Amino acid sequence: MSLDVSPALLEKAERGEVSDAEFVACVRESLPYAWEVITGVIAEADTAADGFADNETPPPSEAERGQLLRALASDAIRGGLERHFGVKLAFQNCHRVAVFRDVDGDRYRAFVSPRGQLLNQSPELRDC
């Protein structure tokens, strides 16, 4: 299971829609490592002149890597975080999280391109 959903939140979801705020709170509580990495990169992007920042530090364990993968591989989780923070999240390999404020720029297009993915490969990343 990727999220620890309280019985109250699950019951609310069964009755109808859940707000982004409720969903994001569930993500924050369920995936603390992913939350820390993503909010840290967002804080860096907030002070960057071009609105870009990324994290290239590998997670300390497979459990933390799993949190990043769950957060960024899920359209619902990634979308909820992007709406909440007003950013575009991008992801390469198993831990490189990037934040963009400008998705019309060359930097974003280069990061999400096949070329960008290939250039971000190294032997130590093949098993992640």
Protein backbone atom coordinates (compact mmCIF):
# COMPACT_ATOMS: atom_id res chain seq x y z
CA MET A 1 0.00 0.00 0.00
CA SER A 2 1.46 3.36 -0.92
CA LEU A 3 -0.57 5.61 1.38
CA ASP A 4 -1.68 5.23 4.98
CA VAL A 5 -5.30 6.27 4.60
CA SER A 6 -7.24 6.90 7.80
CA PRO A 7 -10.64 5.24 8.12
CA ALA A 8 -12.26 8.70 8.15
CA LEU A 9 -10.56 9.75 4.91
CA LEU A 10 -11.37 6.43 3.27
CA GLU A 11 -15.02 6.78 4.28
CA LYS A 12 -15.09 10.31 2.88
CA ALA A 13 -13.57 9.09 -0.41
CA GLU A 14 -16.20 6.34 -0.60
CA ARG A 15 -18.94 8.98 -0.25
CA GLY A 16 -17.50 11.35 -2.85
CA GLU A 17 -14.64 13.66 -3.62
CA VAL A 18 -11.77 14.42 -1.26
CA SER A 19 -10.16 17.87 -1.33
CA ASP A 20 -6.61 18.37 -2.54
CA ALA A 21 -5.70 19.62 0.95
CA GLU A 22 -6.91 16.37 2.54
CA PHE A 23 -5.17 14.28 -0.09
CA VAL A 24 -1.88 16.20 0.20
CA ALA A 25 -1.99 15.86 4.00
CA CYS A 26 -2.35 12.09 3.57
CA VAL A 27 0.64 12.07 1.19
CA ARG A 28 2.73 14.16 3.61
CA GLU A 29 1.98 11.79 6.50
CA SER A 30 2.36 8.58 4.46
CA LEU A 31 5.51 9.41 2.49
CA PRO A 32 7.65 11.59 4.80
CA TYR A 33 10.94 11.04 2.96
CA ALA A 34 9.42 11.86 -0.42
CA TRP A 35 7.72 14.91 1.14
CA GLU A 36 11.05 16.09 2.59
CA VAL A 37 12.90 15.71 -0.71
CA ILE A 38 10.18 17.37 -2.78
CA THR A 39 9.63 20.30 -0.41
CA GLY A 40 13.39 20.77 -0.13
CA VAL A 41 13.78 20.97 -3.90
CA ILE A 42 10.81 23.36 -4.10
CA ALA A 43 12.44 25.60 -1.47
CA GLU A 44 15.64 25.64 -3.56
CA ALA A 45 13.66 26.46 -6.71
CA ASP A 46 11.99 29.35 -4.89
CA THR A 47 15.37 31.04 -4.47
CA ALA A 48 16.79 30.10 -7.89
CA ALA A 49 16.80 32.83 -10.51
CA ASP A 50 15.40 30.48 -13.14
CA GLY A 51 12.95 28.67 -10.83
CA PHE A 52 14.73 25.33 -11.28
CA ALA A 53 16.23 23.01 -8.69
CA ASP A 54 16.88 19.30 -8.48
CA ASN A 55 17.92 16.60 -6.07
CA GLU A 56 20.60 14.15 -7.16
CA THR A 57 21.30 12.59 -3.77
CA PRO A 58 20.38 8.90 -3.69
CA PRO A 59 17.98 7.87 -0.94
CA PRO A 60 19.57 6.27 2.13
CA SER A 61 17.63 3.01 1.71
CA GLU A 62 15.26 1.15 -0.56
CA ALA A 63 12.34 2.15 1.68
CA GLU A 64 13.01 5.83 0.98
CA ARG A 65 13.57 5.12 -2.71
CA GLY A 66 10.18 3.40 -2.72
CA GLN A 67 8.55 6.51 -1.28
CA LEU A 68 9.94 8.66 -4.10
CA LEU A 69 8.84 6.14 -6.69
CA ARG A 70 5.31 5.96 -5.26
CA ALA A 71 4.99 9.73 -5.02
CA LEU A 72 6.24 10.50 -8.51
CA ALA A 73 4.96 7.47 -10.41
CA SER A 74 1.37 8.05 -9.30
CA ASP A 75 -0.47 10.55 -11.49
CA ALA A 76 -2.80 11.37 -8.59
CA ILE A 77 -0.02 11.97 -6.06
CA ARG A 78 2.23 13.88 -8.43
CA GLY A 79 -0.69 15.95 -9.70
CA GLY A 80 -1.87 16.72 -6.18
CA LEU A 81 1.60 17.88 -5.17
CA GLU A 82 2.00 19.96 -8.33
CA ARG A 83 -1.34 21.70 -7.74
CA HIS A 84 -0.60 22.21 -4.06
CA PHE A 85 2.81 23.79 -4.65
CA GLY A 86 2.15 25.38 -8.04
CA VAL A 87 5.11 23.67 -9.71
CA LYS A 88 5.88 21.02 -12.29
CA LEU A 89 7.72 17.99 -10.93
CA ALA A 90 9.96 15.93 -13.17
CA PHE A 91 11.67 12.65 -12.35
CA GLN A 92 14.62 10.75 -13.79
CA ASN A 93 15.96 7.35 -12.85
CA CYS A 94 14.98 6.39 -9.32
CA HIS A 95 15.76 9.51 -7.32
CA ARG A 96 16.47 12.62 -9.39
CA VAL A 97 13.57 14.93 -8.61
CA ALA A 98 13.43 18.30 -10.34
CA VAL A 99 11.13 21.28 -9.90
CA PHE A 100 10.22 23.67 -12.67
CA ARG A 101 8.24 26.86 -12.59
CA ASP A 102 8.58 27.33 -16.36
CA VAL A 103 7.56 24.34 -18.47
CA ASP A 104 7.84 26.36 -21.68
CA GLY A 105 11.58 26.79 -21.28
CA ASP A 106 14.48 24.96 -22.83
CA ARG A 107 15.65 23.62 -19.46
CA TYR A 108 12.39 21.74 -18.84
CA ARG A 109 12.23 20.37 -22.38
CA ALA A 110 15.86 19.19 -22.12
CA PHE A 111 15.28 17.52 -18.74
CA VAL A 112 12.25 15.51 -19.87
CA SER A 113 13.68 14.59 -23.27
CA PRO A 114 15.03 11.14 -24.20
CA ARG A 115 18.45 12.80 -24.60
CA GLY A 116 18.23 14.18 -21.06
CA GLN A 117 17.41 10.75 -19.70
CA LEU A 118 20.30 9.13 -21.58
CA LEU A 119 22.77 11.77 -20.42
CA ASN A 120 21.71 11.16 -16.80
CA GLN A 121 22.75 7.49 -16.86
CA SER A 122 25.69 5.97 -15.07
CA PRO A 123 26.65 2.41 -14.12
CA GLU A 124 25.73 2.94 -10.45
CA LEU A 125 22.19 3.94 -11.41
CA ARG A 126 21.44 0.78 -13.37
CA ASP A 127 20.29 -1.14 -10.31
CA CYS A 128 18.10 1.52 -8.76
